[in-house]
N, C-alpha and C. Protein backbone atom coordinates (compact mmCIF):
# COMPACT_ATOMS: atom_id res chain seq x y z
N MET A 1 -115.93 -0.70 -87.44
CA MET A 1 -115.10 -1.46 -86.50
C MET A 1 -114.72 -2.77 -87.16
N ILE A 2 -113.44 -3.10 -87.17
CA ILE A 2 -112.95 -4.33 -87.76
C ILE A 2 -112.25 -5.12 -86.69
N GLY A 3 -112.60 -6.38 -86.55
CA GLY A 3 -111.92 -7.20 -85.56
C GLY A 3 -112.39 -8.62 -85.62
N ALA A 4 -111.45 -9.57 -85.71
CA ALA A 4 -111.78 -10.99 -85.73
C ALA A 4 -110.50 -11.78 -85.68
N ASP A 5 -110.63 -13.10 -85.50
CA ASP A 5 -109.44 -13.94 -85.41
C ASP A 5 -109.14 -14.68 -86.71
N VAL A 6 -110.12 -14.75 -87.61
CA VAL A 6 -109.95 -15.57 -88.80
C VAL A 6 -110.23 -14.75 -90.04
N LEU A 7 -109.41 -14.93 -91.06
CA LEU A 7 -109.63 -14.31 -92.35
C LEU A 7 -109.85 -15.41 -93.38
N ALA A 8 -110.84 -15.27 -94.21
CA ALA A 8 -111.11 -16.27 -95.24
C ALA A 8 -111.06 -15.61 -96.60
N GLY A 9 -110.41 -16.25 -97.56
CA GLY A 9 -110.25 -15.64 -98.88
C GLY A 9 -110.78 -16.52 -99.99
N ASN A 10 -110.63 -16.05 -101.23
CA ASN A 10 -111.08 -16.80 -102.39
C ASN A 10 -110.10 -16.54 -103.53
N GLY A 11 -109.04 -17.33 -103.61
CA GLY A 11 -107.98 -17.10 -104.56
C GLY A 11 -108.45 -17.00 -106.00
N ALA A 12 -107.74 -16.29 -106.82
CA ALA A 12 -108.09 -16.13 -108.23
C ALA A 12 -106.82 -16.14 -109.05
N ASN A 13 -106.94 -16.55 -110.29
CA ASN A 13 -105.76 -16.69 -111.14
C ASN A 13 -105.49 -15.39 -111.88
N LEU A 14 -104.87 -14.43 -111.22
CA LEU A 14 -104.50 -13.15 -111.79
C LEU A 14 -102.98 -13.06 -111.76
N ILE A 15 -102.34 -13.60 -112.76
CA ILE A 15 -100.91 -13.84 -112.70
C ILE A 15 -100.11 -12.56 -112.54
N ARG A 16 -100.30 -11.59 -113.43
CA ARG A 16 -99.50 -10.36 -113.36
C ARG A 16 -99.85 -9.55 -112.11
N GLU A 17 -101.15 -9.43 -111.85
CA GLU A 17 -101.59 -8.68 -110.69
C GLU A 17 -101.13 -9.35 -109.40
N ARG A 18 -101.18 -10.68 -109.38
CA ARG A 18 -100.75 -11.43 -108.20
C ARG A 18 -99.27 -11.21 -107.91
N SER A 19 -98.44 -11.20 -108.96
CA SER A 19 -97.01 -11.02 -108.80
C SER A 19 -96.68 -9.64 -108.24
N MET A 20 -97.31 -8.61 -108.80
CA MET A 20 -97.06 -7.26 -108.32
C MET A 20 -97.59 -7.08 -106.90
N ALA A 21 -98.78 -7.60 -106.64
CA ALA A 21 -99.37 -7.47 -105.30
C ALA A 21 -98.49 -8.14 -104.25
N ALA A 22 -97.91 -9.28 -104.59
CA ALA A 22 -97.04 -9.99 -103.65
C ALA A 22 -95.81 -9.16 -103.32
N ARG A 23 -95.23 -8.52 -104.34
CA ARG A 23 -94.05 -7.69 -104.10
C ARG A 23 -94.38 -6.48 -103.24
N VAL A 24 -95.53 -5.88 -103.48
CA VAL A 24 -95.94 -4.72 -102.68
C VAL A 24 -96.20 -5.15 -101.24
N GLN A 25 -96.88 -6.27 -101.06
CA GLN A 25 -97.14 -6.75 -99.70
C GLN A 25 -95.84 -6.99 -98.95
N GLU A 26 -94.89 -7.65 -99.58
CA GLU A 26 -93.62 -7.92 -98.92
C GLU A 26 -92.90 -6.63 -98.53
N ALA A 27 -92.90 -5.65 -99.43
CA ALA A 27 -92.22 -4.39 -99.15
C ALA A 27 -92.87 -3.64 -97.99
N LEU A 28 -94.19 -3.59 -97.98
CA LEU A 28 -94.88 -2.85 -96.92
C LEU A 28 -94.72 -3.55 -95.57
N GLU A 29 -94.85 -4.86 -95.55
CA GLU A 29 -94.70 -5.58 -94.28
C GLU A 29 -93.29 -5.44 -93.73
N ARG A 30 -92.31 -5.47 -94.61
CA ARG A 30 -90.92 -5.33 -94.16
C ARG A 30 -90.69 -3.92 -93.60
N LEU A 31 -91.19 -2.91 -94.29
CA LEU A 31 -91.00 -1.53 -93.84
C LEU A 31 -91.68 -1.29 -92.49
N TYR A 32 -92.89 -1.79 -92.35
CA TYR A 32 -93.68 -1.47 -91.17
C TYR A 32 -93.50 -2.47 -90.03
N GLY A 33 -92.70 -3.51 -90.26
CA GLY A 33 -92.39 -4.45 -89.20
C GLY A 33 -93.59 -5.27 -88.75
N VAL A 34 -94.43 -5.69 -89.71
CA VAL A 34 -95.59 -6.50 -89.36
C VAL A 34 -95.37 -7.93 -89.86
N ASP A 35 -95.92 -8.88 -89.12
CA ASP A 35 -95.76 -10.29 -89.45
C ASP A 35 -96.72 -10.69 -90.57
N ARG A 36 -96.26 -11.61 -91.42
CA ARG A 36 -97.12 -12.15 -92.46
C ARG A 36 -98.17 -13.07 -91.84
N VAL A 37 -99.43 -12.77 -92.09
CA VAL A 37 -100.54 -13.59 -91.60
C VAL A 37 -101.12 -14.41 -92.74
N VAL A 38 -101.36 -13.76 -93.85
CA VAL A 38 -101.90 -14.41 -95.05
C VAL A 38 -101.26 -13.77 -96.27
N ASP A 39 -101.31 -14.48 -97.39
CA ASP A 39 -100.78 -13.96 -98.65
C ASP A 39 -101.90 -13.26 -99.42
N VAL A 40 -101.62 -12.05 -99.86
CA VAL A 40 -102.63 -11.28 -100.58
C VAL A 40 -103.10 -12.01 -101.84
N GLY A 41 -102.21 -12.79 -102.45
CA GLY A 41 -102.58 -13.49 -103.67
C GLY A 41 -103.74 -14.44 -103.50
N ASP A 42 -103.93 -14.95 -102.29
CA ASP A 42 -105.03 -15.87 -102.03
C ASP A 42 -106.37 -15.16 -101.88
N PHE A 43 -106.35 -13.83 -101.91
CA PHE A 43 -107.57 -13.07 -101.69
C PHE A 43 -107.91 -12.18 -102.88
N LEU A 44 -107.24 -12.40 -104.00
CA LEU A 44 -107.47 -11.56 -105.17
C LEU A 44 -108.66 -12.02 -105.98
N ASP A 45 -109.35 -11.06 -106.56
CA ASP A 45 -110.44 -11.32 -107.48
C ASP A 45 -110.36 -10.24 -108.56
N ARG A 46 -110.86 -10.56 -109.74
CA ARG A 46 -110.80 -9.58 -110.82
C ARG A 46 -111.96 -8.60 -110.70
N ALA A 47 -111.65 -7.32 -110.81
CA ALA A 47 -112.69 -6.30 -110.78
C ALA A 47 -113.51 -6.35 -112.06
N ALA A 48 -114.74 -5.92 -111.98
CA ALA A 48 -115.59 -5.85 -113.17
C ALA A 48 -115.04 -4.78 -114.10
N ASP A 49 -115.42 -4.86 -115.36
CA ASP A 49 -114.98 -3.88 -116.34
C ASP A 49 -115.35 -2.47 -115.88
N GLY A 50 -114.35 -1.59 -115.86
CA GLY A 50 -114.58 -0.22 -115.44
C GLY A 50 -114.55 0.01 -113.94
N GLN A 51 -114.45 -1.06 -113.17
CA GLN A 51 -114.41 -0.92 -111.71
C GLN A 51 -112.97 -0.69 -111.25
N ARG A 52 -112.79 0.21 -110.30
CA ARG A 52 -111.48 0.47 -109.74
C ARG A 52 -111.22 -0.52 -108.59
N GLU A 53 -109.99 -0.51 -108.08
CA GLU A 53 -109.64 -1.45 -107.01
C GLU A 53 -110.60 -1.27 -105.84
N THR A 54 -110.96 -2.39 -105.25
CA THR A 54 -111.91 -2.37 -104.14
C THR A 54 -111.56 -3.48 -103.16
N LEU A 55 -111.45 -3.14 -101.89
CA LEU A 55 -111.28 -4.15 -100.85
C LEU A 55 -112.64 -4.38 -100.21
N VAL A 56 -113.14 -5.59 -100.36
CA VAL A 56 -114.43 -5.95 -99.78
C VAL A 56 -114.18 -6.67 -98.47
N VAL A 57 -114.73 -6.15 -97.39
CA VAL A 57 -114.55 -6.73 -96.06
C VAL A 57 -115.93 -7.04 -95.48
N ARG A 58 -116.10 -8.29 -95.05
CA ARG A 58 -117.39 -8.70 -94.48
C ARG A 58 -117.14 -9.55 -93.24
N GLU A 59 -117.80 -9.22 -92.16
CA GLU A 59 -117.71 -10.00 -90.93
C GLU A 59 -118.97 -10.85 -90.79
N ASP A 60 -118.81 -12.17 -90.65
CA ASP A 60 -119.96 -13.05 -90.57
C ASP A 60 -120.46 -13.18 -89.13
N GLU A 61 -121.50 -14.00 -88.97
CA GLU A 61 -122.13 -14.12 -87.66
C GLU A 61 -121.23 -14.77 -86.63
N CYS A 62 -120.17 -15.47 -87.09
CA CYS A 62 -119.23 -16.11 -86.15
C CYS A 62 -118.08 -15.18 -85.77
N GLY A 63 -118.05 -14.00 -86.37
CA GLY A 63 -116.98 -13.06 -86.07
C GLY A 63 -115.78 -13.19 -86.98
N ASP A 64 -115.85 -14.08 -87.99
CA ASP A 64 -114.76 -14.23 -88.94
C ASP A 64 -114.85 -13.12 -89.99
N VAL A 65 -113.70 -12.63 -90.39
CA VAL A 65 -113.65 -11.55 -91.38
C VAL A 65 -113.28 -12.14 -92.74
N HIS A 66 -114.13 -11.90 -93.72
CA HIS A 66 -113.90 -12.38 -95.08
C HIS A 66 -113.46 -11.20 -95.95
N VAL A 67 -112.37 -11.40 -96.66
CA VAL A 67 -111.77 -10.32 -97.43
C VAL A 67 -111.60 -10.73 -98.88
N SER A 68 -111.91 -9.83 -99.77
CA SER A 68 -111.64 -10.03 -101.19
C SER A 68 -111.09 -8.72 -101.76
N LEU A 69 -109.94 -8.79 -102.41
CA LEU A 69 -109.35 -7.61 -103.03
C LEU A 69 -109.59 -7.69 -104.53
N LYS A 70 -110.43 -6.83 -105.02
CA LYS A 70 -110.75 -6.80 -106.45
C LYS A 70 -109.83 -5.81 -107.15
N LEU A 71 -109.09 -6.31 -108.15
CA LEU A 71 -108.16 -5.47 -108.89
C LEU A 71 -108.50 -5.47 -110.37
N PRO A 72 -108.40 -4.32 -111.03
CA PRO A 72 -108.57 -4.29 -112.48
C PRO A 72 -107.38 -4.97 -113.15
N ALA A 73 -107.60 -5.51 -114.32
CA ALA A 73 -106.52 -6.18 -115.04
C ALA A 73 -105.47 -5.15 -115.44
N LEU A 74 -104.21 -5.51 -115.27
CA LEU A 74 -103.10 -4.66 -115.70
C LEU A 74 -102.72 -5.04 -117.13
N GLY A 75 -103.01 -4.18 -118.06
CA GLY A 75 -102.64 -4.45 -119.44
C GLY A 75 -101.15 -4.29 -119.65
N ARG A 76 -100.70 -4.63 -120.83
CA ARG A 76 -99.26 -4.52 -121.13
C ARG A 76 -98.77 -3.09 -121.04
N GLU A 77 -99.66 -2.15 -121.28
CA GLU A 77 -99.27 -0.73 -121.24
C GLU A 77 -99.85 -0.04 -120.00
N ALA A 78 -99.97 -0.77 -118.92
CA ALA A 78 -100.53 -0.20 -117.69
C ALA A 78 -99.72 1.03 -117.27
N GLY A 79 -100.42 2.12 -117.01
CA GLY A 79 -99.75 3.34 -116.61
C GLY A 79 -99.70 3.51 -115.12
N LEU A 80 -99.38 4.74 -114.70
CA LEU A 80 -99.22 5.03 -113.27
C LEU A 80 -100.50 4.72 -112.50
N ASP A 81 -101.64 5.07 -113.08
CA ASP A 81 -102.90 4.86 -112.37
C ASP A 81 -103.15 3.38 -112.09
N GLY A 82 -102.84 2.52 -113.07
CA GLY A 82 -103.03 1.09 -112.87
C GLY A 82 -102.16 0.55 -111.75
N PHE A 83 -100.91 0.94 -111.74
CA PHE A 83 -100.00 0.49 -110.69
C PHE A 83 -100.42 1.06 -109.33
N CYS A 84 -100.88 2.31 -109.32
CA CYS A 84 -101.31 2.91 -108.06
C CYS A 84 -102.52 2.18 -107.49
N GLN A 85 -103.39 1.69 -108.36
CA GLN A 85 -104.55 0.95 -107.86
C GLN A 85 -104.13 -0.35 -107.18
N VAL A 86 -103.12 -1.02 -107.72
CA VAL A 86 -102.61 -2.22 -107.07
C VAL A 86 -102.00 -1.87 -105.72
N ILE A 87 -101.19 -0.81 -105.68
CA ILE A 87 -100.56 -0.40 -104.42
C ILE A 87 -101.63 -0.04 -103.39
N GLU A 88 -102.62 0.73 -103.80
CA GLU A 88 -103.68 1.12 -102.87
C GLU A 88 -104.42 -0.10 -102.33
N GLY A 89 -104.76 -1.02 -103.22
CA GLY A 89 -105.48 -2.21 -102.79
C GLY A 89 -104.69 -3.05 -101.81
N VAL A 90 -103.41 -3.26 -102.09
CA VAL A 90 -102.57 -4.05 -101.20
C VAL A 90 -102.35 -3.31 -99.88
N SER A 91 -102.21 -1.98 -99.95
CA SER A 91 -102.10 -1.19 -98.73
C SER A 91 -103.32 -1.39 -97.85
N HIS A 92 -104.51 -1.30 -98.44
CA HIS A 92 -105.74 -1.56 -97.68
C HIS A 92 -105.70 -2.95 -97.05
N PHE A 93 -105.29 -3.93 -97.85
CA PHE A 93 -105.27 -5.32 -97.38
C PHE A 93 -104.32 -5.48 -96.19
N VAL A 94 -103.10 -4.98 -96.32
CA VAL A 94 -102.11 -5.11 -95.25
C VAL A 94 -102.60 -4.40 -93.99
N TYR A 95 -103.19 -3.23 -94.17
CA TYR A 95 -103.65 -2.45 -93.02
C TYR A 95 -104.79 -3.17 -92.29
N VAL A 96 -105.76 -3.67 -93.04
CA VAL A 96 -106.90 -4.37 -92.43
C VAL A 96 -106.43 -5.65 -91.73
N VAL A 97 -105.56 -6.42 -92.40
CA VAL A 97 -105.08 -7.66 -91.80
C VAL A 97 -104.34 -7.38 -90.49
N GLU A 98 -103.52 -6.34 -90.47
CA GLU A 98 -102.78 -6.02 -89.25
C GLU A 98 -103.73 -5.56 -88.14
N ARG A 99 -104.75 -4.79 -88.51
CA ARG A 99 -105.71 -4.36 -87.51
C ARG A 99 -106.53 -5.54 -86.99
N VAL A 100 -106.89 -6.46 -87.85
CA VAL A 100 -107.60 -7.66 -87.41
C VAL A 100 -106.71 -8.47 -86.47
N ARG A 101 -105.46 -8.64 -86.86
CA ARG A 101 -104.53 -9.43 -86.04
C ARG A 101 -104.35 -8.82 -84.66
N SER A 102 -104.29 -7.51 -84.58
CA SER A 102 -104.04 -6.84 -83.30
C SER A 102 -105.32 -6.45 -82.57
N GLY A 103 -106.48 -6.75 -83.18
CA GLY A 103 -107.75 -6.46 -82.52
C GLY A 103 -108.06 -4.98 -82.42
N ARG A 104 -107.57 -4.19 -83.38
CA ARG A 104 -107.80 -2.76 -83.36
C ARG A 104 -108.81 -2.34 -84.41
N ALA A 105 -109.48 -1.24 -84.17
CA ALA A 105 -110.44 -0.71 -85.12
C ALA A 105 -109.71 0.01 -86.26
N ALA A 106 -110.39 0.15 -87.38
CA ALA A 106 -109.85 0.91 -88.50
C ALA A 106 -110.99 1.65 -89.18
N THR A 107 -110.75 2.90 -89.56
CA THR A 107 -111.77 3.67 -90.27
C THR A 107 -111.43 3.72 -91.75
N GLN A 108 -112.43 4.08 -92.54
CA GLN A 108 -112.19 4.19 -93.98
C GLN A 108 -111.22 5.31 -94.29
N LEU A 109 -111.27 6.41 -93.53
CA LEU A 109 -110.33 7.50 -93.76
C LEU A 109 -108.90 7.04 -93.45
N GLU A 110 -108.72 6.27 -92.39
CA GLU A 110 -107.39 5.71 -92.10
C GLU A 110 -106.86 4.92 -93.28
N LEU A 111 -107.71 4.06 -93.83
CA LEU A 111 -107.29 3.22 -94.95
C LEU A 111 -106.86 4.06 -96.14
N GLU A 112 -107.65 5.09 -96.44
CA GLU A 112 -107.32 5.93 -97.60
C GLU A 112 -106.05 6.74 -97.36
N LEU A 113 -105.91 7.27 -96.16
CA LEU A 113 -104.72 8.08 -95.86
C LEU A 113 -103.46 7.22 -95.90
N GLN A 114 -103.53 6.02 -95.32
CA GLN A 114 -102.36 5.14 -95.36
C GLN A 114 -102.03 4.74 -96.79
N ALA A 115 -103.05 4.48 -97.59
CA ALA A 115 -102.81 4.10 -98.99
C ALA A 115 -102.18 5.23 -99.78
N GLU A 116 -102.60 6.47 -99.51
CA GLU A 116 -102.00 7.61 -100.21
C GLU A 116 -100.50 7.70 -99.90
N VAL A 117 -100.13 7.51 -98.65
CA VAL A 117 -98.71 7.53 -98.27
C VAL A 117 -97.99 6.32 -98.88
N ASP A 118 -98.63 5.17 -98.88
CA ASP A 118 -97.98 3.96 -99.40
C ASP A 118 -97.70 4.05 -100.89
N LYS A 119 -98.52 4.79 -101.63
CA LYS A 119 -98.21 4.99 -103.06
C LYS A 119 -96.85 5.65 -103.21
N TRP A 120 -96.61 6.69 -102.42
CA TRP A 120 -95.31 7.36 -102.48
C TRP A 120 -94.20 6.41 -102.01
N VAL A 121 -94.45 5.67 -100.93
CA VAL A 121 -93.45 4.75 -100.38
C VAL A 121 -92.98 3.76 -101.44
N VAL A 122 -93.91 3.10 -102.09
CA VAL A 122 -93.57 2.05 -103.05
C VAL A 122 -92.92 2.64 -104.30
N LEU A 123 -93.48 3.71 -104.82
CA LEU A 123 -92.95 4.28 -106.05
C LEU A 123 -91.62 4.99 -105.82
N ALA A 124 -91.45 5.62 -104.65
CA ALA A 124 -90.16 6.26 -104.35
C ALA A 124 -89.06 5.22 -104.26
N ALA A 125 -89.39 4.04 -103.75
CA ALA A 125 -88.39 2.97 -103.63
C ALA A 125 -87.96 2.45 -105.00
N SER A 126 -88.77 2.70 -106.02
CA SER A 126 -88.43 2.22 -107.37
C SER A 126 -87.61 3.22 -108.17
N LEU A 127 -87.43 4.42 -107.63
CA LEU A 127 -86.65 5.44 -108.34
C LEU A 127 -85.17 5.07 -108.36
N ALA A 128 -84.50 5.44 -109.44
CA ALA A 128 -83.06 5.15 -109.54
C ALA A 128 -82.29 5.86 -108.44
N SER A 129 -82.74 7.05 -108.09
CA SER A 129 -82.10 7.82 -107.02
C SER A 129 -83.17 8.64 -106.32
N LEU A 130 -83.26 8.52 -105.01
CA LEU A 130 -84.26 9.27 -104.25
C LEU A 130 -83.60 10.45 -103.57
N ASP A 131 -83.97 11.64 -104.00
CA ASP A 131 -83.52 12.86 -103.35
C ASP A 131 -84.70 13.81 -103.29
N ALA A 132 -84.49 15.01 -102.78
CA ALA A 132 -85.60 15.94 -102.60
C ALA A 132 -86.28 16.28 -103.92
N ASP A 133 -85.50 16.45 -104.98
CA ASP A 133 -86.08 16.83 -106.27
C ASP A 133 -86.90 15.69 -106.89
N SER A 134 -86.35 14.48 -106.88
CA SER A 134 -87.08 13.36 -107.48
C SER A 134 -88.33 13.04 -106.66
N SER A 135 -88.23 13.18 -105.35
CA SER A 135 -89.40 12.94 -104.50
C SER A 135 -90.46 14.00 -104.75
N ALA A 136 -90.06 15.25 -104.87
CA ALA A 136 -91.02 16.33 -105.11
C ALA A 136 -91.75 16.14 -106.43
N ALA A 137 -91.02 15.68 -107.46
CA ALA A 137 -91.64 15.43 -108.75
C ALA A 137 -92.67 14.30 -108.65
N LEU A 138 -92.31 13.24 -107.93
CA LEU A 138 -93.24 12.13 -107.73
C LEU A 138 -94.44 12.58 -106.91
N ARG A 139 -94.20 13.33 -105.87
CA ARG A 139 -95.27 13.81 -105.01
C ARG A 139 -96.27 14.66 -105.79
N ALA A 140 -95.76 15.50 -106.68
CA ALA A 140 -96.64 16.34 -107.49
C ALA A 140 -97.55 15.47 -108.37
N ARG A 141 -96.99 14.41 -108.94
CA ARG A 141 -97.80 13.52 -109.78
C ARG A 141 -98.85 12.78 -108.97
N LEU A 142 -98.52 12.41 -107.75
CA LEU A 142 -99.44 11.62 -106.94
C LEU A 142 -100.53 12.45 -106.27
N TYR A 143 -100.19 13.66 -105.83
CA TYR A 143 -101.10 14.40 -104.96
C TYR A 143 -101.58 15.75 -105.52
N GLU A 144 -100.86 16.32 -106.46
CA GLU A 144 -101.19 17.67 -106.91
C GLU A 144 -101.81 17.68 -108.30
N ARG A 145 -101.27 16.90 -109.21
CA ARG A 145 -101.83 16.83 -110.57
C ARG A 145 -102.81 15.66 -110.64
N VAL A 146 -103.89 15.78 -109.89
CA VAL A 146 -104.85 14.68 -109.80
C VAL A 146 -106.26 15.16 -110.17
N VAL A 147 -107.08 14.21 -110.59
CA VAL A 147 -108.49 14.47 -110.87
C VAL A 147 -109.29 13.52 -110.00
N PHE A 148 -110.21 14.06 -109.21
CA PHE A 148 -111.02 13.25 -108.32
C PHE A 148 -112.28 12.78 -109.03
N VAL A 149 -112.61 11.51 -108.84
CA VAL A 149 -113.80 10.93 -109.47
C VAL A 149 -115.07 11.43 -108.80
N HIS A 150 -115.03 11.56 -107.47
CA HIS A 150 -116.22 11.92 -106.70
C HIS A 150 -116.26 13.42 -106.41
N ASP A 151 -117.44 13.98 -106.45
CA ASP A 151 -117.63 15.40 -106.19
C ASP A 151 -117.19 15.77 -104.78
N ALA A 152 -116.67 16.96 -104.63
CA ALA A 152 -116.13 17.39 -103.33
C ALA A 152 -117.20 17.44 -102.25
N THR A 153 -118.46 17.60 -102.63
CA THR A 153 -119.53 17.70 -101.64
C THR A 153 -120.02 16.33 -101.17
N SER A 154 -119.58 15.24 -101.83
CA SER A 154 -120.00 13.90 -101.44
C SER A 154 -119.12 13.38 -100.31
N GLU A 155 -119.62 12.37 -99.60
CA GLU A 155 -118.84 11.79 -98.50
C GLU A 155 -117.52 11.21 -99.01
N LEU A 156 -117.58 10.46 -100.11
CA LEU A 156 -116.36 9.89 -100.67
C LEU A 156 -115.43 10.97 -101.17
N GLY A 157 -115.99 11.96 -101.84
CA GLY A 157 -115.17 13.04 -102.36
C GLY A 157 -114.43 13.79 -101.27
N GLU A 158 -115.12 14.05 -100.17
CA GLU A 158 -114.48 14.73 -99.04
C GLU A 158 -113.39 13.86 -98.44
N ARG A 159 -113.68 12.57 -98.27
CA ARG A 159 -112.70 11.65 -97.66
C ARG A 159 -111.43 11.57 -98.50
N TYR A 160 -111.58 11.41 -99.81
CA TYR A 160 -110.40 11.29 -100.66
C TYR A 160 -109.59 12.57 -100.68
N ARG A 161 -110.24 13.71 -100.63
CA ARG A 161 -109.52 14.98 -100.64
C ARG A 161 -108.77 15.21 -99.32
N ILE A 162 -109.40 14.84 -98.20
CA ILE A 162 -108.72 14.96 -96.92
C ILE A 162 -107.48 14.07 -96.90
N ALA A 163 -107.64 12.81 -97.36
CA ALA A 163 -106.51 11.88 -97.38
C ALA A 163 -105.40 12.37 -98.30
N ASN A 164 -105.78 12.88 -99.46
CA ASN A 164 -104.80 13.38 -100.42
C ASN A 164 -104.00 14.54 -99.85
N ASP A 165 -104.71 15.49 -99.26
CA ASP A 165 -104.05 16.68 -98.72
C ASP A 165 -103.13 16.33 -97.56
N ALA A 166 -103.61 15.48 -96.63
CA ALA A 166 -102.79 15.11 -95.47
C ALA A 166 -101.55 14.33 -95.90
N ALA A 167 -101.72 13.43 -96.87
CA ALA A 167 -100.57 12.66 -97.35
C ALA A 167 -99.56 13.56 -98.05
N ASN A 168 -100.04 14.49 -98.84
CA ASN A 168 -99.15 15.43 -99.53
C ASN A 168 -98.33 16.23 -98.53
N ARG A 169 -98.97 16.72 -97.48
CA ARG A 169 -98.27 17.51 -96.46
C ARG A 169 -97.26 16.64 -95.71
N PHE A 170 -97.68 15.42 -95.38
CA PHE A 170 -96.80 14.53 -94.62
C PHE A 170 -95.55 14.18 -95.44
N VAL A 171 -95.74 13.81 -96.70
CA VAL A 171 -94.61 13.45 -97.55
C VAL A 171 -93.71 14.66 -97.79
N ARG A 172 -94.30 15.83 -97.95
CA ARG A 172 -93.49 17.04 -98.14
C ARG A 172 -92.59 17.30 -96.93
N ARG A 173 -93.11 17.03 -95.75
CA ARG A 173 -92.28 17.20 -94.55
C ARG A 173 -91.17 16.16 -94.52
N LEU A 174 -91.49 14.92 -94.93
CA LEU A 174 -90.45 13.90 -95.00
C LEU A 174 -89.34 14.29 -95.96
N GLU A 175 -89.71 14.90 -97.07
CA GLU A 175 -88.71 15.38 -98.03
C GLU A 175 -87.77 16.39 -97.36
N ARG A 176 -88.37 17.31 -96.63
CA ARG A 176 -87.58 18.37 -96.02
C ARG A 176 -86.69 17.84 -94.89
N ASP A 177 -87.26 16.99 -94.04
CA ASP A 177 -86.55 16.56 -92.84
C ASP A 177 -85.64 15.35 -93.06
N CYS A 178 -85.99 14.50 -94.00
CA CYS A 178 -85.28 13.21 -94.13
C CYS A 178 -84.67 12.97 -95.52
N VAL A 179 -85.49 13.11 -96.56
CA VAL A 179 -85.00 12.77 -97.90
C VAL A 179 -83.92 13.75 -98.34
N GLY A 180 -84.18 15.04 -98.19
CA GLY A 180 -83.21 16.04 -98.63
C GLY A 180 -81.91 16.00 -97.89
N THR A 181 -81.93 15.46 -96.67
CA THR A 181 -80.72 15.36 -95.86
C THR A 181 -80.17 13.93 -95.79
N ALA A 182 -80.76 13.05 -96.60
CA ALA A 182 -80.33 11.65 -96.68
C ALA A 182 -80.39 10.94 -95.32
N ARG A 183 -81.38 11.29 -94.51
CA ARG A 183 -81.54 10.65 -93.20
C ARG A 183 -82.59 9.54 -93.35
N PHE A 184 -82.17 8.46 -94.01
CA PHE A 184 -83.12 7.42 -94.40
C PHE A 184 -83.51 6.51 -93.24
N VAL A 185 -82.67 6.38 -92.24
CA VAL A 185 -83.06 5.61 -91.05
C VAL A 185 -84.21 6.32 -90.35
N GLU A 186 -84.11 7.63 -90.22
CA GLU A 186 -85.19 8.41 -89.62
C GLU A 186 -86.44 8.35 -90.49
N LEU A 187 -86.25 8.37 -91.81
CA LEU A 187 -87.39 8.27 -92.73
C LEU A 187 -88.18 6.99 -92.48
N ARG A 188 -87.48 5.88 -92.37
CA ARG A 188 -88.15 4.61 -92.13
C ARG A 188 -88.87 4.61 -90.77
N ALA A 189 -88.23 5.21 -89.77
CA ALA A 189 -88.84 5.27 -88.45
C ALA A 189 -90.13 6.09 -88.47
N ARG A 190 -90.12 7.20 -89.18
CA ARG A 190 -91.31 8.05 -89.25
C ARG A 190 -92.44 7.36 -90.02
N LEU A 191 -92.09 6.68 -91.08
CA LEU A 191 -93.10 5.96 -91.84
C LEU A 191 -93.71 4.84 -91.02
N ARG A 192 -92.88 4.14 -90.25
CA ARG A 192 -93.37 3.06 -89.41
C ARG A 192 -94.29 3.63 -88.31
N GLN A 193 -93.90 4.75 -87.73
CA GLN A 193 -94.75 5.39 -86.72
C GLN A 193 -96.10 5.74 -87.32
N PHE A 194 -96.09 6.31 -88.51
CA PHE A 194 -97.33 6.73 -89.16
C PHE A 194 -98.26 5.54 -89.38
N PHE A 195 -97.71 4.42 -89.80
CA PHE A 195 -98.52 3.23 -90.06
C PHE A 195 -99.23 2.75 -88.80
N HIS A 196 -98.56 2.78 -87.69
CA HIS A 196 -99.09 2.14 -86.48
C HIS A 196 -100.02 3.02 -85.66
N VAL A 197 -100.10 4.32 -85.97
CA VAL A 197 -101.02 5.16 -85.21
C VAL A 197 -102.40 5.17 -85.87
N GLY A 198 -103.40 5.67 -85.13
CA GLY A 198 -104.76 5.70 -85.63
C GLY A 198 -105.08 6.96 -86.42
N GLN A 199 -106.36 7.11 -86.73
CA GLN A 199 -106.80 8.17 -87.63
C GLN A 199 -106.41 9.56 -87.15
N GLU A 200 -106.72 9.90 -85.91
CA GLU A 200 -106.49 11.26 -85.44
C GLU A 200 -105.01 11.62 -85.44
N GLU A 201 -104.15 10.67 -85.04
CA GLU A 201 -102.72 10.94 -85.04
C GLU A 201 -102.19 11.04 -86.45
N LYS A 202 -102.71 10.22 -87.37
CA LYS A 202 -102.32 10.34 -88.77
C LYS A 202 -102.64 11.72 -89.30
N LEU A 203 -103.84 12.18 -89.03
CA LEU A 203 -104.23 13.51 -89.49
C LEU A 203 -103.37 14.59 -88.84
N ARG A 204 -103.06 14.44 -87.57
CA ARG A 204 -102.20 15.41 -86.89
C ARG A 204 -100.83 15.47 -87.54
N LEU A 205 -100.26 14.31 -87.83
CA LEU A 205 -98.94 14.26 -88.46
C LEU A 205 -98.97 14.90 -89.84
N GLY A 206 -100.09 14.71 -90.56
CA GLY A 206 -100.21 15.32 -91.87
C GLY A 206 -100.38 16.82 -91.79
N ARG A 207 -101.24 17.25 -90.91
CA ARG A 207 -101.53 18.70 -90.81
C ARG A 207 -100.39 19.48 -90.18
N ALA A 208 -99.52 18.80 -89.43
CA ALA A 208 -98.41 19.48 -88.80
C ALA A 208 -97.30 19.77 -89.80
N ALA A 209 -97.37 19.17 -90.97
CA ALA A 209 -96.28 19.31 -91.94
C ALA A 209 -96.27 20.69 -92.59
């Protein structure tokens, strides 16, 4: 359960990561119609060597929520995985902040499922041309040609696989209903709806695809 009125951060000097994170935050907030509460750059910290992106959330005895987004350094040759980690981390941040602001609960599966969809959202927006074929190629890279770090029998492994599968199905339906027919107003509406619903409705939307 996440809920509080105050967020406290600990800014860090991560110039390249900060710049990309700021752009992702702006894009997601604009798409989902959420108000800016805090800047993600003020909550960044560098991940330890070998550590993947991690959003640390802690609620203190006064009910204030303290957030730190740990990101690995993006090298000059950062590949898709590096950029996806930034997108995932910022997605988690935006989702938690909005849930805190609105006094709603959030589950870890919700965070992962939203982040899986947000990877496609951000990267699809960067394509020179978005159509059914280019989206399908991107979707395959994000959801089908993947290697999971955690074993399928573990709690984390199961959670990531559920999120991956539901996001893949949801995006595939968007391709069929909206992208392939160039119905981009409807696409934005469906993505906004997905963001604002809770875990069970997210899963329903994914499994219905």
